[in-house]
Amino acid sequence: MSEIHDSRMNPDETMVYQIRIKGHVDDQWNDWFGGVTITLEADGNTLLTCQIVDQAALHGLLRKIRDLGMPLISANRIDAGHVDEPDANS
């Protein structure tokens, strides 16, 4: 399998991800996720916004989501300067 490298990426730069999962998680999970902003959306989904230092950390977070048994809807890397704020009307 070939690996694609983006020469514009700085390997020392923290990446920001928005991960959407089906269902709402309780506030009790804030500590378990550690450093993740949890937004409960009006459509019944949960948006996790987090800074990830590397791919191993991303996979660790995805394992936690899997362990909750909640379906993963999406995982998107976003430009740190363009983090979408949750729509208050959602």
N, C-alpha and C. Protein backbone atom coordinates (compact mmCIF):
# COMPACT_ATOMS: atom_id res chain seq x y z
N MET A 1 0.85 -1.17 0.00
CA MET A 1 0.00 0.00 0.00
C MET A 1 0.89 1.23 0.00
N SER A 2 0.58 2.19 -0.84
CA SER A 2 1.40 3.40 -0.89
C SER A 2 0.92 4.39 0.15
N GLU A 3 1.83 5.23 0.56
CA GLU A 3 1.52 6.24 1.57
C GLU A 3 1.63 7.60 0.92
N ILE A 4 0.66 8.46 1.15
CA ILE A 4 0.66 9.80 0.56
C ILE A 4 1.08 10.78 1.64
N HIS A 5 2.06 11.60 1.32
CA HIS A 5 2.54 12.61 2.26
C HIS A 5 2.18 13.99 1.72
N ASP A 6 1.74 14.84 2.60
CA ASP A 6 1.45 16.22 2.25
C ASP A 6 2.63 17.06 2.72
N SER A 7 3.41 17.57 1.80
CA SER A 7 4.61 18.31 2.15
C SER A 7 4.31 19.61 2.87
N ARG A 8 3.06 20.06 2.85
CA ARG A 8 2.69 21.29 3.55
C ARG A 8 2.48 21.06 5.03
N MET A 9 2.34 19.81 5.46
CA MET A 9 2.09 19.50 6.87
C MET A 9 3.37 19.58 7.66
N ASN A 10 3.31 20.22 8.80
CA ASN A 10 4.42 20.27 9.73
C ASN A 10 4.20 19.13 10.72
N PRO A 11 5.13 18.18 10.80
CA PRO A 11 4.91 17.03 11.69
C PRO A 11 4.82 17.41 13.16
N ASP A 12 5.31 18.61 13.52
CA ASP A 12 5.24 19.05 14.91
C ASP A 12 3.94 19.79 15.22
N GLU A 13 3.12 20.00 14.20
CA GLU A 13 1.89 20.76 14.37
C GLU A 13 0.75 19.86 14.83
N THR A 14 0.02 20.30 15.84
CA THR A 14 -1.14 19.57 16.33
C THR A 14 -2.27 19.70 15.31
N MET A 15 -2.96 18.60 15.07
CA MET A 15 -4.07 18.59 14.13
C MET A 15 -5.39 18.69 14.91
N VAL A 16 -6.38 19.31 14.31
CA VAL A 16 -7.70 19.42 14.92
C VAL A 16 -8.64 18.52 14.13
N TYR A 17 -9.39 17.71 14.87
CA TYR A 17 -10.38 16.81 14.25
C TYR A 17 -11.75 17.09 14.82
N GLN A 18 -12.75 16.93 13.98
CA GLN A 18 -14.14 16.92 14.42
C GLN A 18 -14.67 15.53 14.10
N ILE A 19 -15.11 14.86 15.14
CA ILE A 19 -15.60 13.49 15.01
C ILE A 19 -17.06 13.48 15.43
N ARG A 20 -17.90 12.97 14.56
CA ARG A 20 -19.34 12.94 14.83
C ARG A 20 -19.74 11.49 15.07
N ILE A 21 -20.48 11.28 16.17
CA ILE A 21 -20.97 9.94 16.49
C ILE A 21 -22.48 9.98 16.67
N LYS A 22 -23.10 8.85 16.39
CA LYS A 22 -24.56 8.75 16.49
C LYS A 22 -24.94 8.60 17.96
N GLY A 23 -25.86 9.42 18.40
CA GLY A 23 -26.33 9.38 19.78
C GLY A 23 -25.64 10.43 20.63
N HIS A 24 -26.21 10.67 21.78
CA HIS A 24 -25.64 11.62 22.73
C HIS A 24 -24.85 10.88 23.79
N VAL A 25 -23.73 11.48 24.21
CA VAL A 25 -22.97 10.94 25.34
C VAL A 25 -23.24 11.83 26.55
N ASP A 26 -23.28 11.24 27.72
CA ASP A 26 -23.50 11.98 28.95
C ASP A 26 -22.26 12.79 29.32
N ASP A 27 -22.45 13.81 30.17
CA ASP A 27 -21.34 14.63 30.65
C ASP A 27 -20.29 13.80 31.38
N GLN A 28 -20.68 12.65 31.91
CA GLN A 28 -19.75 11.80 32.65
C GLN A 28 -18.57 11.34 31.77
N TRP A 29 -18.71 11.41 30.46
CA TRP A 29 -17.66 10.94 29.55
C TRP A 29 -16.61 12.00 29.27
N ASN A 30 -16.81 13.25 29.75
CA ASN A 30 -15.83 14.32 29.51
C ASN A 30 -14.43 13.91 29.97
N ASP A 31 -14.31 13.41 31.17
CA ASP A 31 -13.00 13.02 31.70
C ASP A 31 -12.42 11.83 30.92
N TRP A 32 -13.27 10.89 30.54
CA TRP A 32 -12.81 9.69 29.85
C TRP A 32 -12.20 10.03 28.49
N PHE A 33 -12.84 10.97 27.78
CA PHE A 33 -12.30 11.39 26.49
C PHE A 33 -11.07 12.27 26.65
N GLY A 34 -10.99 13.03 27.72
CA GLY A 34 -9.82 13.84 28.02
C GLY A 34 -9.47 14.90 26.97
N GLY A 35 -9.73 16.15 27.27
CA GLY A 35 -9.35 17.24 26.39
C GLY A 35 -10.17 17.38 25.13
N VAL A 36 -11.33 16.78 25.10
CA VAL A 36 -12.20 16.82 23.93
C VAL A 36 -13.40 17.70 24.25
N THR A 37 -13.75 18.59 23.32
CA THR A 37 -14.96 19.39 23.48
C THR A 37 -16.13 18.56 22.95
N ILE A 38 -17.11 18.34 23.82
CA ILE A 38 -18.27 17.52 23.46
C ILE A 38 -19.46 18.44 23.24
N THR A 39 -20.04 18.37 22.04
CA THR A 39 -21.21 19.17 21.70
C THR A 39 -22.35 18.22 21.36
N LEU A 40 -23.43 18.31 22.12
CA LEU A 40 -24.63 17.51 21.83
C LEU A 40 -25.46 18.27 20.81
N GLU A 41 -25.69 17.64 19.67
CA GLU A 41 -26.40 18.30 18.58
C GLU A 41 -27.90 18.00 18.66
N ALA A 42 -28.69 18.91 18.14
CA ALA A 42 -30.14 18.80 18.20
C ALA A 42 -30.67 17.57 17.46
N ASP A 43 -29.91 17.08 16.48
CA ASP A 43 -30.36 15.92 15.70
C ASP A 43 -30.09 14.60 16.41
N GLY A 44 -29.59 14.67 17.65
CA GLY A 44 -29.34 13.46 18.42
C GLY A 44 -27.93 12.93 18.31
N ASN A 45 -27.07 13.59 17.54
CA ASN A 45 -25.69 13.17 17.40
C ASN A 45 -24.78 13.95 18.35
N THR A 46 -23.55 13.50 18.48
CA THR A 46 -22.56 14.16 19.32
C THR A 46 -21.38 14.55 18.44
N LEU A 47 -20.90 15.78 18.59
CA LEU A 47 -19.73 16.26 17.88
C LEU A 47 -18.59 16.37 18.89
N LEU A 48 -17.49 15.68 18.61
CA LEU A 48 -16.29 15.76 19.42
C LEU A 48 -15.27 16.59 18.65
N THR A 49 -14.78 17.66 19.24
CA THR A 49 -13.75 18.49 18.63
C THR A 49 -12.52 18.38 19.50
N CYS A 50 -11.38 18.02 18.87
CA CYS A 50 -10.19 17.76 19.67
C CYS A 50 -8.92 18.03 18.89
N GLN A 51 -7.87 18.33 19.64
CA GLN A 51 -6.54 18.47 19.08
C GLN A 51 -5.85 17.12 19.21
N ILE A 52 -5.28 16.67 18.11
CA ILE A 52 -4.64 15.36 18.07
C ILE A 52 -3.18 15.58 17.71
N VAL A 53 -2.27 14.98 18.49
CA VAL A 53 -0.84 15.19 18.26
C VAL A 53 -0.28 14.31 17.15
N ASP A 54 -0.87 13.13 16.93
CA ASP A 54 -0.38 12.24 15.89
C ASP A 54 -1.43 11.18 15.58
N GLN A 55 -1.14 10.34 14.59
CA GLN A 55 -2.09 9.31 14.18
C GLN A 55 -2.36 8.30 15.28
N ALA A 56 -1.37 8.00 16.10
CA ALA A 56 -1.59 7.05 17.20
C ALA A 56 -2.63 7.59 18.17
N ALA A 57 -2.59 8.89 18.46
CA ALA A 57 -3.58 9.50 19.35
C ALA A 57 -4.96 9.47 18.72
N LEU A 58 -5.04 9.70 17.41
CA LEU A 58 -6.32 9.63 16.71
C LEU A 58 -6.91 8.23 16.80
N HIS A 59 -6.08 7.23 16.56
CA HIS A 59 -6.57 5.85 16.64
C HIS A 59 -6.99 5.50 18.06
N GLY A 60 -6.30 6.03 19.05
CA GLY A 60 -6.69 5.80 20.44
C GLY A 60 -8.07 6.38 20.74
N LEU A 61 -8.33 7.58 20.24
CA LEU A 61 -9.64 8.20 20.43
C LEU A 61 -10.72 7.40 19.70
N LEU A 62 -10.42 6.96 18.50
CA LEU A 62 -11.40 6.15 17.74
C LEU A 62 -11.68 4.82 18.44
N ARG A 63 -10.68 4.26 19.10
CA ARG A 63 -10.90 3.02 19.89
C ARG A 63 -11.85 3.29 21.05
N LYS A 64 -11.71 4.44 21.69
CA LYS A 64 -12.61 4.78 22.79
C LYS A 64 -14.06 4.88 22.29
N ILE A 65 -14.23 5.49 21.12
CA ILE A 65 -15.57 5.60 20.54
C ILE A 65 -16.12 4.20 20.23
N ARG A 66 -15.28 3.36 19.67
CA ARG A 66 -15.69 1.98 19.37
C ARG A 66 -16.09 1.27 20.67
N ASP A 67 -15.31 1.46 21.72
CA ASP A 67 -15.58 0.79 22.99
C ASP A 67 -16.91 1.24 23.61
N LEU A 68 -17.35 2.45 23.29
CA LEU A 68 -18.66 2.92 23.75
C LEU A 68 -19.79 2.22 23.01
N GLY A 69 -19.47 1.66 21.85
CA GLY A 69 -20.49 1.00 21.03
C GLY A 69 -21.35 1.97 20.26
N MET A 70 -20.87 3.21 20.10
CA MET A 70 -21.64 4.21 19.37
C MET A 70 -21.15 4.27 17.93
N PRO A 71 -22.07 4.26 16.96
CA PRO A 71 -21.67 4.30 15.55
C PRO A 71 -20.94 5.60 15.19
N LEU A 72 -19.84 5.48 14.49
CA LEU A 72 -19.07 6.61 13.98
C LEU A 72 -19.74 7.11 12.71
N ILE A 73 -20.04 8.40 12.67
CA ILE A 73 -20.64 9.00 11.47
C ILE A 73 -19.55 9.58 10.58
N SER A 74 -18.64 10.36 11.18
CA SER A 74 -17.57 10.96 10.39
C SER A 74 -16.40 11.35 11.28
N ALA A 75 -15.23 11.44 10.67
CA ALA A 75 -14.02 11.94 11.32
C ALA A 75 -13.33 12.81 10.30
N ASN A 76 -13.23 14.10 10.58
CA ASN A 76 -12.68 15.06 9.62
C ASN A 76 -11.58 15.89 10.24
N ARG A 77 -10.45 15.94 9.55
CA ARG A 77 -9.38 16.84 9.96
C ARG A 77 -9.72 18.21 9.41
N ILE A 78 -9.61 19.22 10.26
CA ILE A 78 -9.98 20.56 9.83
C ILE A 78 -8.82 21.51 10.09
N ASP A 79 -8.83 22.61 9.39
CA ASP A 79 -7.85 23.66 9.59
C ASP A 79 -8.14 24.30 10.94
N ALA A 80 -7.13 24.36 11.80
CA ALA A 80 -7.31 24.88 13.16
C ALA A 80 -7.90 26.29 13.16
N GLY A 81 -7.65 27.06 12.12
CA GLY A 81 -8.18 28.42 12.03
C GLY A 81 -9.61 28.48 11.57
N HIS A 82 -10.17 27.32 11.18
CA HIS A 82 -11.53 27.29 10.65
C HIS A 82 -12.41 26.28 11.37
N VAL A 83 -12.27 26.20 12.68
CA VAL A 83 -13.09 25.27 13.45
C VAL A 83 -14.52 25.77 13.42
N ASP A 84 -15.42 24.90 12.93
CA ASP A 84 -16.85 25.27 12.86
C ASP A 84 -17.43 25.27 14.25
N GLU A 85 -18.07 26.36 14.59
CA GLU A 85 -18.79 26.42 15.85
C GLU A 85 -20.13 25.75 15.63
N PRO A 86 -20.59 24.98 16.61
CA PRO A 86 -21.90 24.35 16.47
C PRO A 86 -22.98 25.42 16.28
N ASP A 87 -23.90 25.13 15.40
CA ASP A 87 -25.00 26.05 15.12
C ASP A 87 -25.97 26.02 16.29
N ALA A 88 -26.20 27.17 16.89
CA ALA A 88 -27.08 27.25 18.05
C ALA A 88 -28.50 26.84 17.69
N ASN A 89 -28.85 26.89 16.41
CA ASN A 89 -30.20 26.54 15.99
C ASN A 89 -30.33 25.09 15.56
N SER A 90 -29.24 24.32 15.64
CA SER A 90 -29.31 22.91 15.21
C SER A 90 -30.09 22.08 16.17
